[in-house]
Protein backbone atom coordinates (compact mmCIF):
# COMPACT_ATOMS: atom_id res chain seq x y z
CA MET A 1 64.76 72.08 -59.21
CA SER A 2 65.83 68.65 -58.47
CA ARG A 3 69.50 67.63 -59.24
CA LYS A 4 69.53 64.40 -61.62
CA ARG A 5 70.71 61.34 -60.28
CA ARG A 6 74.15 60.12 -61.34
CA GLU A 7 74.11 56.79 -62.53
CA LEU A 8 76.21 54.08 -61.16
CA PRO A 9 78.30 51.63 -62.23
CA LEU A 10 77.56 48.05 -63.22
CA LEU A 11 80.25 45.90 -62.00
CA GLU A 12 81.34 42.71 -64.83
CA GLN A 13 82.91 39.21 -63.48
CA ILE A 14 83.94 40.27 -59.91
CA GLU A 15 84.34 37.26 -57.80
CA ILE A 16 82.75 37.38 -54.19
CA THR A 17 85.35 36.89 -51.70
CA ASP A 18 84.14 36.38 -48.44
CA VAL A 19 81.36 36.96 -46.33
CA ALA A 20 80.32 40.39 -43.76
CA ALA A 21 78.10 41.63 -41.47
CA GLU A 22 74.66 41.46 -41.73
CA GLY A 23 74.56 38.30 -43.41
CA ASN A 24 76.44 40.14 -47.00
CA ALA A 25 78.94 39.15 -49.11
CA LEU A 26 82.05 41.18 -49.89
CA THR A 27 83.68 42.35 -52.51
CA ARG A 28 87.46 44.00 -53.39
CA VAL A 29 87.95 46.10 -56.06
CA ASN A 30 90.58 49.17 -57.37
CA ASP A 31 91.07 49.23 -53.13
CA MET A 32 87.66 50.01 -52.77
CA VAL A 33 85.34 47.25 -50.72
CA VAL A 34 81.78 46.30 -51.95
CA PHE A 35 78.96 44.86 -49.99
CA VAL A 36 76.45 42.42 -51.67
CA PRO A 37 73.91 40.58 -50.73
CA PHE A 38 73.39 36.78 -51.66
CA GLY A 39 77.12 36.12 -52.85
CA ALA A 40 79.20 33.24 -51.54
CA PRO A 41 83.33 32.98 -52.08
CA GLY A 42 84.14 31.64 -54.72
CA ASP A 43 81.05 32.80 -57.12
CA ILE A 44 81.18 34.67 -60.57
CA VAL A 45 78.86 37.52 -60.81
CA ASP A 46 78.78 41.12 -62.45
CA ILE A 47 77.63 43.97 -59.25
CA GLN A 48 75.56 46.34 -59.50
CA LEU A 49 76.76 49.19 -57.05
CA THR A 50 73.53 50.94 -55.54
CA LYS A 51 76.01 53.30 -53.11
CA LYS A 52 79.30 54.48 -53.62
CA LYS A 53 81.33 56.53 -51.14
CA LYS A 54 85.58 56.31 -50.92
CA SER A 55 86.07 53.66 -49.08
CA TYR A 56 83.25 51.33 -49.15
CA ALA A 57 80.48 50.44 -52.20
CA GLU A 58 77.33 49.28 -52.45
CA GLY A 59 75.67 46.54 -54.88
CA ARG A 60 73.22 43.84 -55.83
CA ILE A 61 73.75 40.94 -57.80
CA THR A 62 72.17 41.29 -60.84
CA CYS A 63 73.80 38.00 -62.57
CA LEU A 64 75.45 35.17 -60.90
CA ARG A 65 77.78 33.85 -63.77
CA GLN A 66 80.09 31.51 -62.34
CA PRO A 67 79.11 29.57 -59.05
CA GLY A 68 81.57 29.28 -56.39
CA ASP A 69 82.52 26.05 -55.12
CA ILE A 70 81.08 26.22 -51.49
CA ARG A 71 77.15 27.62 -53.38
CA ILE A 72 73.89 24.87 -52.41
CA GLU A 73 70.72 25.56 -53.89
CA PRO A 74 68.57 27.50 -51.21
CA ARG A 75 65.45 25.90 -50.16
CA CYS A 76 62.99 28.70 -50.87
CA SER A 77 61.83 29.57 -53.25
CA HIS A 78 61.85 33.50 -51.58
CA PHE A 79 65.24 34.03 -51.78
CA THR A 80 67.43 36.92 -52.43
CA VAL A 81 63.46 38.55 -52.84
CA CYS A 82 62.54 38.29 -48.39
CA GLY A 83 65.86 39.95 -46.83
CA GLY A 84 64.88 36.66 -43.90
CA CYS A 85 67.84 34.25 -44.50
CA ARG A 86 70.98 35.28 -46.25
CA TRP A 87 72.85 31.75 -46.37
CA GLN A 88 70.53 29.30 -47.79
CA HIS A 89 72.90 29.39 -50.38
CA LEU A 90 75.76 28.05 -47.68
CA PRO A 91 76.17 25.20 -46.23
CA TYR A 92 75.85 25.65 -42.38
CA ASP A 93 78.75 24.10 -41.37
CA PHE A 94 80.33 26.63 -43.30
CA GLN A 95 77.60 29.15 -41.32
CA LEU A 96 78.39 27.99 -38.01
CA LYS A 97 82.53 28.93 -39.07
CA CYS A 98 81.60 32.38 -39.65
CA LYS A 99 79.76 33.01 -36.46
CA GLN A 100 82.06 31.66 -34.75
CA GLN A 101 84.61 34.44 -36.39
CA GLN A 102 82.37 36.49 -35.58
CA VAL A 103 82.13 36.24 -32.05
CA LYS A 104 86.07 35.89 -32.00
CA ASP A 105 86.44 39.26 -34.79
CA ALA A 106 84.62 40.61 -30.96
CA ILE A 107 86.53 39.64 -28.86
CA GLU A 108 89.65 40.86 -30.82
CA ARG A 109 89.06 43.91 -31.70
CA ILE A 110 86.25 45.23 -29.64
CA ALA A 111 86.60 44.29 -26.60
CA LYS A 112 91.01 44.04 -27.09
CA VAL A 113 90.62 41.60 -23.89
CA ASP A 114 92.50 38.75 -22.40
CA ALA A 115 90.14 36.13 -23.34
CA PRO A 116 90.69 32.19 -24.15
CA GLU A 117 89.55 31.11 -26.93
CA VAL A 118 86.61 31.11 -28.47
CA SER A 119 84.88 27.47 -27.38
CA PRO A 120 83.72 25.86 -30.82
CA ILE A 121 80.20 26.22 -31.47
CA LEU A 122 76.31 24.36 -30.86
CA GLY A 123 75.20 24.73 -34.05
CA SER A 124 71.27 24.31 -34.01
CA GLU A 125 69.73 20.72 -33.97
CA GLU A 126 67.48 21.73 -36.50
CA ILE A 127 68.05 23.86 -39.43
CA TRP A 128 64.47 24.00 -40.62
CA SER A 129 61.20 24.83 -38.88
CA TYR A 130 62.21 25.79 -35.90
CA ARG A 131 61.26 29.06 -35.05
CA ASN A 132 58.76 28.96 -32.80
CA LYS A 133 57.09 32.43 -33.76
CA MET A 134 56.59 34.05 -36.26
CA GLU A 135 55.07 37.10 -37.47
CA TYR A 136 53.19 38.26 -40.54
CA THR A 137 51.61 41.46 -42.63
CA PHE A 138 48.70 42.51 -44.66
CA SER A 139 49.12 44.58 -46.92
CA ASN A 140 47.30 46.07 -50.06
CA LYS A 141 50.54 47.18 -51.83
CA LYS A 142 51.84 43.13 -53.04
CA TRP A 143 56.47 44.08 -53.67
CA LEU A 144 56.51 43.34 -57.15
CA THR A 145 60.16 41.64 -58.01
CA TYR A 146 62.03 43.00 -60.73
CA GLU A 147 61.07 40.87 -63.29
CA GLN A 148 57.38 41.30 -63.31
CA LEU A 149 57.81 44.90 -63.24
CA ALA A 150 60.69 44.15 -66.35
CA SER A 151 57.73 42.09 -67.64
CA GLY A 152 54.93 44.54 -68.80
CA GLU A 153 51.96 42.42 -67.35
CA GLU A 154 49.78 44.47 -65.39
CA PHE A 155 48.86 42.92 -61.97
CA ASN A 156 45.49 44.49 -60.33
CA ASP A 157 45.63 41.74 -57.54
CA ARG A 158 48.14 43.58 -55.07
CA ASP A 159 46.61 41.99 -51.75
CA GLY A 160 48.81 39.84 -49.76
CA ALA A 161 50.97 38.13 -47.22
CA GLY A 162 53.75 38.37 -45.97
CA PHE A 163 56.95 40.27 -44.05
CA HIS A 164 57.89 43.97 -45.48
CA ILE A 165 60.98 44.23 -48.03
CA PRO A 166 64.61 45.58 -46.51
CA GLY A 167 64.23 49.27 -47.86
CA ALA A 168 60.16 49.85 -47.95
CA PHE A 169 58.42 50.12 -44.76
CA ASP A 170 55.24 49.81 -46.97
CA LYS A 171 55.51 47.13 -49.70
CA VAL A 172 55.33 43.59 -48.00
CA LEU A 173 55.94 40.16 -50.15
CA ASP A 174 52.98 38.23 -50.86
CA ILE A 175 54.62 34.35 -48.46
CA ASP A 176 53.86 30.82 -50.34
CA SER A 177 56.57 29.09 -47.49
CA CYS A 178 58.65 29.89 -45.80
CA HIS A 179 60.73 26.34 -44.03
CA LEU A 180 61.82 28.45 -40.54
CA GLN A 181 58.59 27.58 -39.16
CA ASP A 182 56.52 24.26 -38.78
CA ASP A 183 53.99 23.88 -41.73
CA PHE A 184 50.74 24.53 -40.08
CA GLY A 185 51.78 28.78 -40.10
CA ASN A 186 51.59 28.74 -44.30
CA ARG A 187 48.24 26.66 -44.36
CA LEU A 188 47.17 29.58 -42.30
CA ARG A 189 48.77 31.94 -43.61
CA ARG A 190 47.14 31.49 -47.01
CA PHE A 191 44.14 30.03 -46.26
CA ILE A 192 43.73 33.92 -44.18
CA ARG A 193 45.00 35.48 -46.61
CA ASP A 194 42.78 33.10 -50.13
CA PHE A 195 39.52 34.16 -47.23
CA GLY A 196 40.10 38.03 -47.00
CA LYS A 197 40.04 38.21 -51.48
CA GLU A 198 37.38 36.29 -51.17
CA HIS A 199 34.60 37.49 -49.18
CA GLY A 200 36.41 41.61 -50.06
CA TYR A 201 38.46 41.99 -46.67
CA THR A 202 40.30 44.71 -47.37
CA PHE A 203 44.28 44.26 -46.42
CA TYR A 204 46.13 46.76 -43.94
CA ASP A 205 47.26 50.53 -45.84
CA LEU A 206 50.35 51.30 -44.79
CA ARG A 207 50.39 54.36 -46.18
CA GLN A 208 46.83 55.20 -45.51
CA GLN A 209 46.42 53.31 -41.70
CA GLN A 210 43.24 50.89 -43.38
CA GLY A 211 42.17 48.42 -43.92
CA LEU A 212 40.65 45.97 -41.95
CA LEU A 213 43.60 42.20 -41.88
CA ARG A 214 47.29 44.04 -40.20
CA THR A 215 49.01 40.89 -38.41
CA LEU A 216 49.19 37.55 -37.61
CA MET A 217 51.22 36.12 -35.05
CA ILE A 218 52.07 32.58 -34.99
CA ARG A 219 53.20 30.63 -32.39
CA ILE A 220 53.64 26.88 -32.31
CA ALA A 221 55.22 25.21 -29.02
CA SER A 222 57.23 22.71 -28.66
CA THR A 223 54.45 20.87 -26.44
CA GLY A 224 52.85 20.68 -29.75
CA GLU A 225 50.77 23.67 -28.31
CA ILE A 226 49.12 26.71 -31.28
CA MET A 227 48.14 30.15 -30.96
CA ALA A 228 46.97 32.34 -33.30
CA VAL A 229 47.10 36.17 -33.48
CA MET A 230 44.99 38.00 -35.94
CA VAL A 231 45.34 41.45 -35.44
CA PHE A 232 42.14 43.94 -36.99
CA GLY A 233 42.96 47.36 -38.25
CA GLU A 234 39.61 47.99 -37.94
CA ASP A 235 36.46 46.96 -35.61
CA ASP A 236 34.10 44.77 -37.91
CA SER A 237 32.63 42.32 -35.58
CA GLU A 238 30.82 40.94 -38.45
CA LYS A 239 33.65 40.23 -40.59
CA ILE A 240 36.39 39.52 -37.88
CA ASN A 241 33.79 36.95 -36.44
CA THR A 242 32.67 34.94 -39.78
CA LEU A 243 36.56 35.27 -40.18
CA LEU A 244 38.02 33.83 -36.87
CA SER A 245 35.27 31.49 -37.22
CA ALA A 246 36.48 30.49 -40.36
CA VAL A 247 39.48 29.61 -39.19
CA LYS A 248 38.24 28.06 -35.67
CA GLU A 249 36.00 25.52 -37.62
CA GLN A 250 39.43 24.73 -40.49
CA PHE A 251 41.96 24.17 -37.75
CA PRO A 252 40.50 22.74 -34.38
CA GLU A 253 44.31 22.35 -34.21
CA ILE A 254 45.29 26.08 -32.54
CA THR A 255 44.09 25.46 -28.40
CA SER A 256 45.01 28.95 -28.68
CA LEU A 257 42.61 31.64 -30.86
CA LEU A 258 42.62 35.51 -30.21
CA TYR A 259 42.50 38.92 -31.75
CA VAL A 260 43.48 42.57 -31.65
CA ILE A 261 42.16 45.56 -33.13
CA ASN A 262 44.85 48.25 -33.11
CA THR A 263 43.89 50.94 -34.83
CA LYS A 264 46.72 53.28 -33.72
CA VAL A 265 50.27 53.66 -36.21
CA ASN A 266 52.67 51.28 -35.48
CA ASP A 267 51.61 47.53 -35.60
CA THR A 268 53.11 46.41 -32.41
CA ILE A 269 50.44 45.05 -30.00
CA GLY A 270 52.07 45.79 -26.33
CA ASP A 271 49.13 48.88 -25.11
CA GLN A 272 46.64 46.47 -26.67
CA GLU A 273 43.58 44.83 -25.63
CA VAL A 274 43.91 41.00 -26.89
CA ILE A 275 40.97 38.89 -26.51
CA THR A 276 40.04 35.60 -26.55
CA PHE A 277 37.95 34.56 -29.23
CA SER A 278 38.23 30.37 -28.35
CA GLY A 279 40.60 28.53 -26.52
CA SER A 280 43.34 29.28 -23.53
CA ASP A 281 44.71 33.01 -23.64
CA PHE A 282 47.79 31.30 -23.38
CA ILE A 283 50.46 28.17 -24.68
CA GLU A 284 52.99 26.04 -22.66
CA GLU A 285 56.64 25.79 -22.97
CA LYS A 286 58.74 22.50 -20.87
CA MET A 287 62.48 22.34 -20.15
CA GLU A 288 62.99 20.34 -18.59
CA SER A 289 60.55 19.44 -15.73
CA LEU A 290 59.73 23.34 -15.70
CA ARG A 291 56.51 24.77 -18.21
CA PHE A 292 56.50 28.13 -18.76
CA ARG A 293 53.10 30.22 -20.04
CA ILE A 294 53.58 31.87 -23.07
CA GLY A 295 51.29 34.60 -23.97
CA PRO A 296 50.80 37.06 -27.28
CA LYS A 297 53.03 39.62 -25.69
CA SER A 298 55.05 37.21 -23.73
CA PHE A 299 59.38 37.21 -25.03
CA TYR A 300 60.44 33.33 -25.17
CA GLN A 301 63.70 32.71 -27.44
CA THR A 302 62.47 31.85 -30.77
CA ASN A 303 64.24 28.58 -31.22
CA SER A 304 63.07 26.35 -28.48
CA ARG A 305 65.52 23.44 -28.95
CA GLN A 306 68.87 25.56 -28.64
CA ALA A 307 67.05 27.50 -25.94
CA TYR A 308 67.42 24.87 -23.92
CA ARG A 309 71.26 24.45 -24.61
CA LEU A 310 71.47 28.42 -24.14
CA TYR A 311 70.53 28.47 -21.00
CA SER A 312 71.98 25.01 -20.15
CA VAL A 313 75.23 26.39 -20.57
CA VAL A 314 74.32 29.78 -18.64
CA ARG A 315 73.90 27.37 -15.53
CA ASP A 316 77.04 25.85 -16.32
CA PHE A 317 78.87 28.83 -16.59
CA ALA A 318 76.75 29.82 -13.09
CA GLY A 319 78.56 27.62 -11.11
CA LEU A 320 75.33 28.08 -8.32
CA SER A 321 75.64 25.53 -5.70
CA GLY A 322 72.84 26.36 -3.77
CA ASP A 323 73.99 28.82 -0.87
CA GLU A 324 74.10 31.55 -3.80
CA LEU A 325 71.65 34.92 -5.03
CA VAL A 326 72.20 35.31 -8.53
CA TYR A 327 70.94 38.53 -10.36
CA ASP A 328 69.35 38.24 -13.28
CA LEU A 329 68.74 41.39 -14.96
CA TYR A 330 66.67 42.05 -17.93
CA THR A 331 65.09 38.34 -16.67
CA GLY A 332 62.21 38.32 -19.63
CA THR A 333 59.57 36.30 -18.96
CA GLY A 334 62.08 34.73 -15.80
CA THR A 335 62.93 31.89 -18.46
CA ILE A 336 66.38 32.08 -17.03
CA ALA A 337 66.12 32.74 -13.46
CA ASN A 338 63.46 30.13 -13.00
CA PHE A 339 65.31 27.78 -14.89
CA VAL A 340 68.67 28.12 -12.62
CA ALA A 341 66.03 28.35 -9.03
CA ALA A 342 66.41 25.23 -7.83
CA LYS A 343 70.57 25.61 -7.24
CA ALA A 344 70.20 29.15 -6.04
CA SER A 345 69.45 30.15 -2.45
CA LYS A 346 67.06 33.22 -4.37
CA VAL A 347 66.74 34.71 -7.81
CA ILE A 348 65.80 38.34 -8.54
CA GLY A 349 64.86 38.76 -11.57
CA ILE A 350 65.05 42.08 -13.41
CA GLU A 351 63.14 43.95 -16.61
CA TYR A 352 61.50 46.73 -18.42
CA VAL A 353 58.35 45.37 -19.77
CA PRO A 354 56.02 44.85 -17.18
CA GLU A 355 53.77 42.43 -18.67
CA ALA A 356 56.66 40.23 -18.72
CA ILE A 357 57.35 40.32 -15.09
CA ALA A 358 53.75 39.17 -14.77
CA ASP A 359 54.48 36.39 -16.49
CA ALA A 360 57.30 35.96 -14.97
CA LYS A 361 55.81 35.57 -11.43
CA ILE A 362 53.52 33.19 -12.29
CA ASN A 363 55.60 30.82 -14.07
CA SER A 364 57.58 30.62 -10.70
CA GLU A 365 53.63 29.59 -9.14
CA VAL A 366 53.23 27.32 -11.44
CA ASN A 367 56.23 25.24 -10.89
CA GLY A 368 55.48 25.34 -7.24
CA ILE A 369 58.94 28.08 -6.79
CA ASP A 370 59.25 30.74 -4.27
CA ASN A 371 62.83 31.30 -3.97
CA THR A 372 62.82 33.74 -6.79
CA LEU A 373 62.45 38.44 -7.05
CA PHE A 374 60.67 39.30 -9.79
CA PHE A 375 60.75 43.38 -10.33
CA ALA A 376 59.43 46.01 -13.39
CA GLY A 377 61.37 49.01 -14.63
CA ASP A 378 63.90 50.62 -17.26
CA MET A 379 67.61 48.85 -15.60
CA LYS A 380 69.24 52.13 -15.13
CA ASP A 381 66.23 53.10 -12.74
CA VAL A 382 65.61 49.58 -10.79
CA LEU A 383 69.48 48.55 -10.38
CA THR A 384 70.61 51.18 -8.58
CA ASP A 385 73.61 50.91 -5.52
CA GLU A 386 70.48 51.63 -3.20
CA PHE A 387 68.98 48.74 -4.33
CA VAL A 388 71.93 46.23 -4.05
CA SER A 389 72.23 47.65 -0.63
CA VAL A 390 68.34 46.52 -0.26
CA HIS A 391 68.52 42.99 -1.40
CA GLY A 392 72.34 41.89 -1.12
CA ARG A 393 75.25 41.85 -2.58
CA PRO A 394 74.66 39.26 -5.73
CA ASP A 395 77.25 36.32 -5.69
CA VAL A 396 76.10 35.80 -9.63
CA MET A 397 75.19 38.45 -12.27
CA ILE A 398 73.42 36.70 -15.20
CA VAL A 399 73.30 39.25 -17.94
CA ASP A 400 71.04 39.41 -21.05
CA PRO A 401 70.45 42.64 -22.44
CA PRO A 402 69.07 43.34 -25.79
CA ARG A 403 71.22 43.88 -29.09
CA ALA A 404 72.26 47.56 -28.30
CA GLY A 405 73.71 45.95 -24.96
CA MET A 406 73.84 47.34 -21.37
CA HIS A 407 73.71 51.46 -20.45
CA GLU A 408 77.24 52.42 -18.64
CA ASP A 409 75.26 53.53 -15.73
CA VAL A 410 74.22 50.19 -15.35
CA VAL A 411 77.82 48.74 -15.38
CA ASN A 412 79.41 50.46 -13.37
CA VAL A 413 76.58 49.36 -11.20
CA ILE A 414 78.07 46.08 -11.51
CA LEU A 415 81.06 47.45 -11.30
CA ASN A 416 80.55 48.69 -7.82
CA ALA A 417 78.21 45.76 -6.12
CA GLU A 418 81.50 43.52 -7.74
CA PRO A 419 79.42 39.89 -7.55
CA ARG A 420 82.24 36.83 -7.29
CA ARG A 421 81.58 36.05 -11.15
CA ILE A 422 79.24 37.75 -14.16
CA VAL A 423 77.41 35.13 -16.48
CA TYR A 424 77.02 37.81 -20.08
CA VAL A 425 74.73 36.33 -22.11
CA SER A 426 74.03 38.28 -25.92
CA CYS A 427 72.12 38.70 -28.81
CA ASN A 428 75.15 40.89 -30.18
CA PRO A 429 78.84 39.84 -30.00
CA ALA A 430 79.29 43.66 -31.22
CA THR A 431 78.06 45.42 -27.97
CA GLN A 432 78.47 42.31 -26.12
CA ALA A 433 82.99 42.39 -26.84
CA ARG A 434 81.58 46.92 -26.21
CA ASP A 435 80.45 46.12 -22.65
CA ILE A 436 83.07 43.43 -21.68
CA ALA A 437 86.01 45.91 -22.21
CA LEU A 438 84.01 48.27 -19.45
CA LEU A 439 83.64 45.13 -17.83
CA ASP A 440 87.40 44.24 -16.94
CA LYS A 441 88.07 46.57 -15.23
CA LYS A 442 87.58 44.57 -12.80
CA TYR A 443 86.69 40.87 -14.26
CA LYS A 444 88.41 38.21 -16.56
CA VAL A 445 87.33 36.16 -19.36
CA GLU A 446 86.90 32.73 -18.11
CA ALA A 447 85.53 30.68 -21.34
CA ILE A 448 82.86 32.25 -24.78
CA GLN A 449 80.65 29.80 -25.69
CA PRO A 450 79.03 31.14 -29.23
CA VAL A 451 75.77 28.39 -29.71
CA ASP A 452 73.46 29.03 -32.72
CA MET A 453 69.95 29.83 -32.80
CA PHE A 454 69.27 30.90 -36.03
CA PRO A 455 70.11 28.57 -39.18
CA HIS A 456 70.48 30.62 -42.74
CA THR A 457 71.06 33.92 -41.04
CA ALA A 458 74.10 36.41 -39.57
CA HIS A 459 72.70 36.19 -36.26
CA VAL A 460 74.28 34.87 -32.98
CA GLU A 461 74.67 34.02 -29.45
CA ASN A 462 77.23 33.99 -27.48
CA VAL A 463 77.10 33.51 -23.74
CA ILE A 464 80.82 34.74 -21.90
CA ASN A 465 81.54 33.68 -18.83
CA MET A 466 84.05 36.63 -16.03
CA THR A 467 84.99 36.48 -12.80
CA LEU A 468 85.98 38.24 -10.73
CA LYS A 469 90.14 39.52 -10.51
């Protein structure tokens, strides 16, 4: 017999005092920190606790009794249900202040190294419709809100297309409009969803691993080119051709219409064949005089305008005169490597994903760049002391690792190689600060520049410039 779950209390008339990690807000009740999403400093709220430990608790706001002075009206109708843009209710200048503080706290509390003041964060010129890539999931288990469940109404149509609900892998919130990408993305997603319902297409069942309509990726480049990649969970050529023909007719502005048949357990398409239904198999982004080919499996910063500002900071920090050997670690599709190549003698890029390296080579070729060299493989296996001895000791190392930061073996090779300068780009100031502490043996921090790539979220990109002591 299972033990009855202990009912957690409802906290009433509580004032939200600050913002916290992961886009949450916080308050303190009887020396206990309580974390809640979608709160703003100054709010007076009722909080239903959902988890309680000795020193902290988590909960959700059940009633906003009095909004704080700082709170603004969120634009999105899905706010508080969709887990994506948790800071829509905060003014953008306040968001930037919080992100600046996040970087400062990481340097002071985690890295604990001598460092200059954090430079003022570079805010995004566009705070809506700034994403060039969005991914949506089709599901036959559309998420029902607390209000819908409480209404007693029966919901027979559970097919939807949108975003996964945090903590409920098999549930998807049916999205009407997302304001992070151009409205074209909303029109395309709604068309495919409605077409599927009207023509009896099955929506994917994430538990049973079956259904025809599975996922949709939309890329809209700054050049105006558009890629749509429809992923099907079953191989039904007649229905696939019927749907994609309708999409092609309804949306002639799509320059790259692709599809994938994915019958495996996970949604990743990195190991799947991508089939071109119409148009090209890639789109192009432009940055200064450079062109970058973006395929369905390519990584490219999702905020095109801010990507240019970010890479400009990296290039400035690198301080290149034209004679330097540069290593670009975690190079992805070689965007940074190709962006700085004109000011370097040679650039060597290393990346785990072979397809990304293939893109990096193509991007060098189409731009007439002949001083880059790219290698594919696990960073800790490729970047060894022997690799450095063969290819040369770098003058500058640019590192842009994933959120987990760098493997300690990679840090040790960097320390042994002793480049004159390290430019560290990170989407996670906490792991960046941890790595900075390890590099502090031989390097000092010269400059810190945060860049906001994702308005209305707690995420922040940060660039640190280090020189050999």
